Amino acid sequence: MPDRLDITWIVLIGLALATILLPPLMPRPLLGNAVLLSLAAVKGRRIALDFMDLRAVPALWRGLVGAWIIIVPLFAWLASAVIALI
């Protein structure tokens, strides 16, 4: 039976393939950016929780790292949205 790291590794490979295959299928670039950045956030969360072993730390640290993983792609998406509107 595979352990958590093996499952995370398989999920990360699947997300990486989705990152490659999905952008040509997106009808609008802004939607494509949102999908790609959300996939990046999911990958970052899986890496932080499993490979950095943040599942075993206090909830405050998990929350801070999780918030950082969400905020960075959100700012990147907002920047792409502003550029698209200009």
PDB file of N, CA and C in Angstrom:
ATOM      1  N   MET A   1       0.842  -1.178   0.000  1.00  0.00           N
ATOM      2  CA  MET A   1       0.000   0.000   0.000  1.00  0.00           C
ATOM      3  C   MET A   1       0.888   1.242   0.000  1.00  0.00           C
ATOM      4  N   PRO A   2       0.613   2.193  -0.917  1.00  0.00           N
ATOM      5  CA  PRO A   2       1.456   3.395  -0.986  1.00  0.00           C
ATOM      6  C   PRO A   2       1.241   4.293   0.227  1.00  0.00           C
ATOM      7  N   ASP A   3       2.323   4.928   0.643  1.00  0.00           N
ATOM      8  CA  ASP A   3       2.204   5.857   1.764  1.00  0.00           C
ATOM      9  C   ASP A   3       1.832   7.249   1.254  1.00  0.00           C
ATOM     10  N   ARG A   4       1.738   8.192   2.164  1.00  0.00           N
ATOM     11  CA  ARG A   4       1.277   9.534   1.828  1.00  0.00           C
ATOM     12  C   ARG A   4       2.197  10.225   0.823  1.00  0.00           C
ATOM     13  N   LEU A   5       3.505  10.049   0.945  1.00  0.00           N
ATOM     14  CA  LEU A   5       4.427  10.701   0.009  1.00  0.00           C
ATOM     15  C   LEU A   5       4.280  10.149  -1.399  1.00  0.00           C
ATOM     16  N   ASP A   6       4.043   8.870  -1.517  1.00  0.00           N
ATOM     17  CA  ASP A   6       3.827   8.292  -2.848  1.00  0.00           C
ATOM     18  C   ASP A   6       2.557   8.846  -3.489  1.00  0.00           C
ATOM     19  N   ILE A   7       1.503   8.944  -2.704  1.00  0.00           N
ATOM     20  CA  ILE A   7       0.249   9.488  -3.228  1.00  0.00           C
ATOM     21  C   ILE A   7       0.428  10.955  -3.620  1.00  0.00           C
ATOM     22  N   THR A   8       1.128  11.710  -2.786  1.00  0.00           N
ATOM     23  CA  THR A   8       1.385  13.113  -3.112  1.00  0.00           C
ATOM     24  C   THR A   8       2.219  13.230  -4.377  1.00  0.00           C
ATOM     25  N   TRP A   9       3.190  12.357  -4.533  1.00  0.00           N
ATOM     26  CA  TRP A   9       4.032  12.380  -5.729  1.00  0.00           C
ATOM     27  C   TRP A   9       3.188  12.120  -6.974  1.00  0.00           C
ATOM     28  N   ILE A  10       2.280  11.168  -6.913  1.00  0.00           N
ATOM     29  CA  ILE A  10       1.415  10.862  -8.049  1.00  0.00           C
ATOM     30  C   ILE A  10       0.468  12.033  -8.338  1.00  0.00           C
ATOM     31  N   VAL A  11      -0.072  12.631  -7.282  1.00  0.00           N
ATOM     32  CA  VAL A  11      -0.948  13.790  -7.461  1.00  0.00           C
ATOM     33  C   VAL A  11      -0.179  14.949  -8.096  1.00  0.00           C
ATOM     34  N   LEU A  12       1.047  15.173  -7.661  1.00  0.00           N
ATOM     35  CA  LEU A  12       1.855  16.256  -8.232  1.00  0.00           C
ATOM     36  C   LEU A  12       2.155  16.013  -9.705  1.00  0.00           C
ATOM     37  N   ILE A  13       2.393  14.778 -10.075  1.00  0.00           N
ATOM     38  CA  ILE A  13       2.604  14.475 -11.493  1.00  0.00           C
ATOM     39  C   ILE A  13       1.337  14.756 -12.287  1.00  0.00           C
ATOM     40  N   GLY A  14       0.187  14.343 -11.747  1.00  0.00           N
ATOM     41  CA  GLY A  14      -1.078  14.620 -12.422  1.00  0.00           C
ATOM     42  C   GLY A  14      -1.346  16.104 -12.566  1.00  0.00           C
ATOM     43  N   LEU A  15      -1.057  16.869 -11.525  1.00  0.00           N
ATOM     44  CA  LEU A  15      -1.257  18.316 -11.591  1.00  0.00           C
ATOM     45  C   LEU A  15      -0.288  18.970 -12.569  1.00  0.00           C
ATOM     46  N   ALA A  16       0.930  18.453 -12.638  1.00  0.00           N
ATOM     47  CA  ALA A  16       1.890  18.991 -13.604  1.00  0.00           C
ATOM     48  C   ALA A  16       1.423  18.717 -15.037  1.00  0.00           C
ATOM     49  N   LEU A  17       0.896  17.538 -15.278  1.00  0.00           N
ATOM     50  CA  LEU A  17       0.352  17.232 -16.607  1.00  0.00           C
ATOM     51  C   LEU A  17      -0.856  18.115 -16.919  1.00  0.00           C
ATOM     52  N   ALA A  18      -1.695  18.341 -15.937  1.00  0.00           N
ATOM     53  CA  ALA A  18      -2.844  19.232 -16.143  1.00  0.00           C
ATOM     54  C   ALA A  18      -2.380  20.649 -16.441  1.00  0.00           C
ATOM     55  N   THR A  19      -1.300  21.072 -15.802  1.00  0.00           N
ATOM     56  CA  THR A  19      -0.747  22.397 -16.051  1.00  0.00           C
ATOM     57  C   THR A  19      -0.288  22.538 -17.502  1.00  0.00           C
ATOM     58  N   ILE A  20       0.208  21.459 -18.065  1.00  0.00           N
ATOM     59  CA  ILE A  20       0.670  21.485 -19.455  1.00  0.00           C
ATOM     60  C   ILE A  20      -0.494  21.384 -20.433  1.00  0.00           C
ATOM     61  N   LEU A  21      -1.477  20.538 -20.123  1.00  0.00           N
ATOM     62  CA  LEU A  21      -2.526  20.228 -21.083  1.00  0.00           C
ATOM     63  C   LEU A  21      -3.711  21.198 -21.070  1.00  0.00           C
ATOM     64  N   LEU A  22      -3.990  21.850 -19.970  1.00  0.00           N
ATOM     65  CA  LEU A  22      -5.184  22.683 -19.871  1.00  0.00           C
ATOM     66  C   LEU A  22      -5.122  24.045 -20.564  1.00  0.00           C
ATOM     67  N   PRO A  23      -4.018  24.770 -20.577  1.00  0.00           N
ATOM     68  CA  PRO A  23      -4.050  26.125 -21.157  1.00  0.00           C
ATOM     69  C   PRO A  23      -4.547  26.206 -22.603  1.00  0.00           C
ATOM     70  N   PRO A  24      -4.184  25.283 -23.489  1.00  0.00           N
ATOM     71  CA  PRO A  24      -4.749  25.409 -24.841  1.00  0.00           C
ATOM     72  C   PRO A  24      -6.265  25.212 -24.894  1.00  0.00           C
ATOM     73  N   LEU A  25      -6.839  24.580 -23.895  1.00  0.00           N
ATOM     74  CA  LEU A  25      -8.273  24.326 -23.888  1.00  0.00           C
ATOM     75  C   LEU A  25      -9.089  25.475 -23.302  1.00  0.00           C
ATOM     76  N   MET A  26      -8.427  26.431 -22.680  1.00  0.00           N
ATOM     77  CA  MET A  26      -9.128  27.537 -22.032  1.00  0.00           C
ATOM     78  C   MET A  26      -9.555  28.571 -23.073  1.00  0.00           C
ATOM     79  N   PRO A  27     -10.832  29.001 -23.025  1.00  0.00           N
ATOM     80  CA  PRO A  27     -11.313  29.956 -24.027  1.00  0.00           C
ATOM     81  C   PRO A  27     -10.786  31.374 -23.824  1.00  0.00           C
ATOM     82  N   ARG A  28     -10.474  31.729 -22.577  1.00  0.00           N
ATOM     83  CA  ARG A  28      -9.995  33.080 -22.294  1.00  0.00           C
ATOM     84  C   ARG A  28      -8.693  33.001 -21.516  1.00  0.00           C
ATOM     85  N   PRO A  29      -7.747  33.882 -21.822  1.00  0.00           N
ATOM     86  CA  PRO A  29      -6.460  33.851 -21.115  1.00  0.00           C
ATOM     87  C   PRO A  29      -6.587  34.100 -19.616  1.00  0.00           C
ATOM     88  N   LEU A  30      -7.502  34.957 -19.218  1.00  0.00           N
ATOM     89  CA  LEU A  30      -7.659  35.246 -17.796  1.00  0.00           C
ATOM     90  C   LEU A  30      -8.156  34.015 -17.033  1.00  0.00           C
ATOM     91  N   LEU A  31      -9.043  33.268 -17.641  1.00  0.00           N
ATOM     92  CA  LEU A  31      -9.502  32.019 -17.041  1.00  0.00           C
ATOM     93  C   LEU A  31      -8.368  31.001 -17.003  1.00  0.00           C
ATOM     94  N   GLY A  32      -7.587  30.937 -18.072  1.00  0.00           N
ATOM     95  CA  GLY A  32      -6.426  30.045 -18.094  1.00  0.00           C
ATOM     96  C   GLY A  32      -5.430  30.381 -16.999  1.00  0.00           C
ATOM     97  N   ASN A  33      -5.191  31.676 -16.791  1.00  0.00           N
ATOM     98  CA  ASN A  33      -4.287  32.090 -15.708  1.00  0.00           C
ATOM     99  C   ASN A  33      -4.834  31.673 -14.347  1.00  0.00           C
ATOM    100  N   ALA A  34      -6.129  31.824 -14.157  1.00  0.00           N
ATOM    101  CA  ALA A  34      -6.734  31.444 -12.881  1.00  0.00           C
ATOM    102  C   ALA A  34      -6.600  29.947 -12.643  1.00  0.00           C
ATOM    103  N   VAL A  35      -6.813  29.156 -13.677  1.00  0.00           N
ATOM    104  CA  VAL A  35      -6.693  27.694 -13.536  1.00  0.00           C
ATOM    105  C   VAL A  35      -5.247  27.311 -13.237  1.00  0.00           C
ATOM    106  N   LEU A  36      -4.308  27.879 -13.974  1.00  0.00           N
ATOM    107  CA  LEU A  36      -2.902  27.544 -13.756  1.00  0.00           C
ATOM    108  C   LEU A  36      -2.427  27.945 -12.356  1.00  0.00           C
ATOM    109  N   LEU A  37      -2.818  29.110 -11.910  1.00  0.00           N
ATOM    110  CA  LEU A  37      -2.395  29.556 -10.586  1.00  0.00           C
ATOM    111  C   LEU A  37      -3.076  28.772  -9.473  1.00  0.00           C
ATOM    112  N   SER A  38      -4.304  28.341  -9.700  1.00  0.00           N
ATOM    113  CA  SER A  38      -4.949  27.504  -8.686  1.00  0.00           C
ATOM    114  C   SER A  38      -4.289  26.129  -8.631  1.00  0.00           C
ATOM    115  N   LEU A  39      -3.889  25.591  -9.774  1.00  0.00           N
ATOM    116  CA  LEU A  39      -3.133  24.333  -9.771  1.00  0.00           C
ATOM    117  C   LEU A  39      -1.799  24.507  -9.052  1.00  0.00           C
ATOM    118  N   ALA A  40      -1.163  25.645  -9.248  1.00  0.00           N
ATOM    119  CA  ALA A  40       0.097  25.914  -8.551  1.00  0.00           C
ATOM    120  C   ALA A  40      -0.119  25.998  -7.046  1.00  0.00           C
ATOM    121  N   ALA A  41      -1.232  26.589  -6.628  1.00  0.00           N
ATOM    122  CA  ALA A  41      -1.521  26.676  -5.197  1.00  0.00           C
ATOM    123  C   ALA A  41      -1.779  25.291  -4.608  1.00  0.00           C
ATOM    124  N   VAL A  42      -2.486  24.447  -5.340  1.00  0.00           N
ATOM    125  CA  VAL A  42      -2.735  23.083  -4.858  1.00  0.00           C
ATOM    126  C   VAL A  42      -1.424  22.315  -4.750  1.00  0.00           C
ATOM    127  N   LYS A  43      -0.571  22.468  -5.761  1.00  0.00           N
ATOM    128  CA  LYS A  43       0.731  21.791  -5.704  1.00  0.00           C
ATOM    129  C   LYS A  43       1.565  22.297  -4.534  1.00  0.00           C
ATOM    130  N   GLY A  44       1.568  23.604  -4.316  1.00  0.00           N
ATOM    131  CA  GLY A  44       2.324  24.169  -3.204  1.00  0.00           C
ATOM    132  C   GLY A  44       1.815  23.682  -1.863  1.00  0.00           C
ATOM    133  N   ARG A  45       0.508  23.571  -1.732  1.00  0.00           N
ATOM    134  CA  ARG A  45      -0.066  23.079  -0.474  1.00  0.00           C
ATOM    135  C   ARG A  45       0.312  21.628  -0.231  1.00  0.00           C
ATOM    136  N   ARG A  46       0.246  20.798  -1.264  1.00  0.00           N
ATOM    137  CA  ARG A  46       0.619  19.390  -1.096  1.00  0.00           C
ATOM    138  C   ARG A  46       2.099  19.258  -0.729  1.00  0.00           C
ATOM    139  N   ILE A  47       2.939  20.052  -1.369  1.00  0.00           N
ATOM    140  CA  ILE A  47       4.369  20.005  -1.059  1.00  0.00           C
ATOM    141  C   ILE A  47       4.618  20.457   0.368  1.00  0.00           C
ATOM    142  N   ALA A  48       3.970  21.535   0.778  1.00  0.00           N
ATOM    143  CA  ALA A  48       4.181  22.050   2.136  1.00  0.00           C
ATOM    144  C   ALA A  48       3.699  21.062   3.190  1.00  0.00           C
ATOM    145  N   LEU A  49       2.544  20.473   2.963  1.00  0.00           N
ATOM    146  CA  LEU A  49       1.995  19.569   3.975  1.00  0.00           C
ATOM    147  C   LEU A  49       2.732  18.241   4.053  1.00  0.00           C
ATOM    148  N   ASP A  50       3.101  17.689   2.908  1.00  0.00           N
ATOM    149  CA  ASP A  50       3.646  16.333   2.910  1.00  0.00           C
ATOM    150  C   ASP A  50       5.171  16.295   2.862  1.00  0.00           C
ATOM    151  N   PHE A  51       5.779  17.035   1.963  1.00  0.00           N
ATOM    152  CA  PHE A  51       7.234  16.963   1.841  1.00  0.00           C
ATOM    153  C   PHE A  51       7.940  17.830   2.876  1.00  0.00           C
ATOM    154  N   MET A  52       7.321  18.940   3.267  1.00  0.00           N
ATOM    155  CA  MET A  52       7.903  19.765   4.326  1.00  0.00           C
ATOM    156  C   MET A  52       7.385  19.338   5.697  1.00  0.00           C
ATOM    157  N   ASP A  53       6.499  18.364   5.716  1.00  0.00           N
ATOM    158  CA  ASP A  53       5.955  17.747   6.927  1.00  0.00           C
ATOM    159  C   ASP A  53       5.271  18.765   7.840  1.00  0.00           C
ATOM    160  N   LEU A  54       4.471  19.651   7.234  1.00  0.00           N
ATOM    161  CA  LEU A  54       3.752  20.631   8.028  1.00  0.00           C
ATOM    162  C   LEU A  54       2.472  20.075   8.641  1.00  0.00           C
ATOM    163  N   ARG A  55       2.143  18.844   8.347  1.00  0.00           N
ATOM    164  CA  ARG A  55       0.975  18.231   8.984  1.00  0.00           C
ATOM    165  C   ARG A  55       1.209  18.040  10.479  1.00  0.00           C
ATOM    166  N   ALA A  56       2.477  17.954  10.881  1.00  0.00           N
ATOM    167  CA  ALA A  56       2.806  17.673  12.280  1.00  0.00           C
ATOM    168  C   ALA A  56       3.068  18.931  13.101  1.00  0.00           C
ATOM    169  N   VAL A  57       2.993  20.096  12.500  1.00  0.00           N
ATOM    170  CA  VAL A  57       3.284  21.333  13.232  1.00  0.00           C
ATOM    171  C   VAL A  57       1.982  21.936  13.758  1.00  0.00           C
ATOM    172  N   PRO A  58       2.074  22.917  14.659  1.00  0.00           N
ATOM    173  CA  PRO A  58       0.857  23.567  15.167  1.00  0.00           C
ATOM    174  C   PRO A  58       0.045  24.230  14.046  1.00  0.00           C
ATOM    175  N   ALA A  59      -1.244  24.361  14.307  1.00  0.00           N
ATOM    176  CA  ALA A  59      -2.165  24.893  13.301  1.00  0.00           C
ATOM    177  C   ALA A  59      -1.799  26.308  12.864  1.00  0.00           C
ATOM    178  N   LEU A  60      -1.211  27.095  13.748  1.00  0.00           N
ATOM    179  CA  LEU A  60      -0.830  28.454  13.389  1.00  0.00           C
ATOM    180  C   LEU A  60       0.165  28.448  12.233  1.00  0.00           C
ATOM    181  N   TRP A  61       1.176  27.594  12.287  1.00  0.00           N
ATOM    182  CA  TRP A  61       2.172  27.534  11.222  1.00  0.00           C
ATOM    183  C   TRP A  61       1.571  27.009   9.925  1.00  0.00           C
ATOM    184  N   ARG A  62       0.717  26.003  10.036  1.00  0.00           N
ATOM    185  CA  ARG A  62       0.043  25.498   8.834  1.00  0.00           C
ATOM    186  C   ARG A  62      -0.804  26.591   8.210  1.00  0.00           C
ATOM    187  N   GLY A  63      -1.484  27.358   9.046  1.00  0.00           N
ATOM    188  CA  GLY A  63      -2.310  28.445   8.538  1.00  0.00           C
ATOM    189  C   GLY A  63      -1.502  29.542   7.878  1.00  0.00           C
ATOM    190  N   LEU A  64      -0.384  29.912   8.487  1.00  0.00           N
ATOM    191  CA  LEU A  64       0.463  30.955   7.901  1.00  0.00           C
ATOM    192  C   LEU A  64       1.035  30.527   6.556  1.00  0.00           C
ATOM    193  N   VAL A  65       1.550  29.316   6.496  1.00  0.00           N
ATOM    194  CA  VAL A  65       2.113  28.824   5.231  1.00  0.00           C
ATOM    195  C   VAL A  65       1.003  28.651   4.195  1.00  0.00           C
ATOM    196  N   GLY A  66      -0.145  28.133   4.618  1.00  0.00           N
ATOM    197  CA  GLY A  66      -1.270  27.980   3.696  1.00  0.00           C
ATOM    198  C   GLY A  66      -1.755  29.317   3.166  1.00  0.00           C
ATOM    199  N   ALA A  67      -1.820  30.321   4.032  1.00  0.00           N
ATOM    200  CA  ALA A  67      -2.226  31.653   3.586  1.00  0.00           C
ATOM    201  C   ALA A  67      -1.222  32.228   2.595  1.00  0.00           C
ATOM    202  N   TRP A  68       0.056  32.019   2.855  1.00  0.00           N
ATOM    203  CA  TRP A  68       1.085  32.508   1.935  1.00  0.00           C
ATOM    204  C   TRP A  68       0.958  31.816   0.576  1.00  0.00           C
ATOM    205  N   ILE A  69       0.673  30.525   0.601  1.00  0.00           N
ATOM    206  CA  ILE A  69       0.535  29.769  -0.650  1.00  0.00           C
ATOM    207  C   ILE A  69      -0.682  30.251  -1.438  1.00  0.00           C
ATOM    208  N   ILE A  70      -1.702  30.730  -0.771  1.00  0.00           N
ATOM    209  CA  ILE A  70      -2.886  31.251  -1.463  1.00  0.00           C
ATOM    210  C   ILE A  70      -2.682  32.700  -1.905  1.00  0.00           C
ATOM    211  N   ILE A  71      -2.034  33.502  -1.071  1.00  0.00           N
ATOM    212  CA  ILE A  71      -1.892  34.934  -1.361  1.00  0.00           C
ATOM    213  C   ILE A  71      -0.980  35.192  -2.553  1.00  0.00           C
ATOM    214  N   VAL A  72       0.109  34.455  -2.675  1.00  0.00           N
ATOM    215  CA  VAL A  72       1.052  34.708  -3.778  1.00  0.00           C
ATOM    216  C   VAL A  72       0.393  34.461  -5.143  1.00  0.00           C
ATOM    217  N   PRO A  73      -0.249  33.312  -5.382  1.00  0.00           N
ATOM    218  CA  PRO A  73      -0.933  33.153  -6.683  1.00  0.00           C
ATOM    219  C   PRO A  73      -2.092  34.132  -6.878  1.00  0.00           C
ATOM    220  N   LEU A  74      -2.753  34.523  -5.792  1.00  0.00           N
ATOM    221  CA  LEU A  74      -3.831  35.492  -5.917  1.00  0.00           C
ATOM    222  C   LEU A  74      -3.306  36.835  -6.412  1.00  0.00           C
ATOM    223  N   PHE A  75      -2.197  37.290  -5.853  1.00  0.00           N
ATOM    224  CA  PHE A  75      -1.597  38.536  -6.333  1.00  0.00           C
ATOM    225  C   PHE A  75      -1.125  38.403  -7.784  1.00  0.00           C
ATOM    226  N   ALA A  76      -0.595  37.246  -8.148  1.00  0.00           N
ATOM    227  CA  ALA A  76      -0.176  37.035  -9.533  1.00  0.00           C
ATOM    228  C   ALA A  76      -1.379  37.097 -10.466  1.00  0.00           C
ATOM    229  N   TRP A  77      -2.503  36.484 -10.042  1.00  0.00           N
ATOM    230  CA  TRP A  77      -3.696  36.537 -10.882  1.00  0.00           C
ATOM    231  C   TRP A  77      -4.236  37.960 -10.985  1.00  0.00           C
ATOM    232  N   LEU A  78      -4.231  38.691  -9.871  1.00  0.00           N
ATOM    233  CA  LEU A  78      -4.696  40.073  -9.910  1.00  0.00           C
ATOM    234  C   LEU A  78      -3.833  40.920 -10.841  1.00  0.00           C
ATOM    235  N   ALA A  79      -2.526  40.667 -10.840  1.00  0.00           N
ATOM    236  CA  ALA A  79      -1.642  41.402 -11.751  1.00  0.00           C
ATOM    237  C   ALA A  79      -1.977  41.072 -13.202  1.00  0.00           C
ATOM    238  N   SER A  80      -2.241  39.807 -13.494  1.00  0.00           N
ATOM    239  CA  SER A  80      -2.595  39.451 -14.877  1.00  0.00           C
ATOM    240  C   SER A  80      -3.958  40.032 -15.251  1.00  0.00           C
ATOM    241  N   ALA A  81      -4.873  40.127 -14.285  1.00  0.00           N
ATOM    242  CA  ALA A  81      -6.182  40.728 -14.581  1.00  0.00           C
ATOM    243  C   ALA A  81      -6.055  42.218 -14.867  1.00  0.00           C
ATOM    244  N   VAL A  82      -5.207  42.888 -14.101  1.00  0.00           N
ATOM    245  CA  VAL A  82      -4.995  44.332 -14.346  1.00  0.00           C
ATOM    246  C   VAL A  82      -4.360  44.538 -15.705  1.00  0.00           C
ATOM    247  N   ILE A  83      -3.402  43.719 -16.062  1.00  0.00           N
ATOM    248  CA  ILE A  83      -2.755  43.838 -17.368  1.00  0.00           C
ATOM    249  C   ILE A  83      -3.753  43.565 -18.485  1.00  0.00           C
ATOM    250  N   ALA A  84      -4.645  42.591 -18.270  1.00  0.00           N
ATOM    251  CA  ALA A  84      -5.654  42.281 -19.295  1.00  0.00           C
ATOM    252  C   ALA A  84      -6.646  43.430 -19.468  1.00  0.00           C
ATOM    253  N   LEU A  85      -6.900  44.166 -18.401  1.00  0.00           N
ATOM    254  CA  LEU A  85      -7.857  45.266 -18.485  1.00  0.00           C
ATOM    255  C   LEU A  85      -7.254  46.532 -19.085  1.00  0.00           C
ATOM    256  N   ILE A  86      -5.937  46.613 -19.080  1.00  0.00           N
ATOM    257  CA  ILE A  86      -5.291  47.837 -19.611  1.00  0.00           C
ATOM    258  C   ILE A  86      -5.255  47.829 -21.117  1.00  0.00           C
TER     259      ILE A  86
END
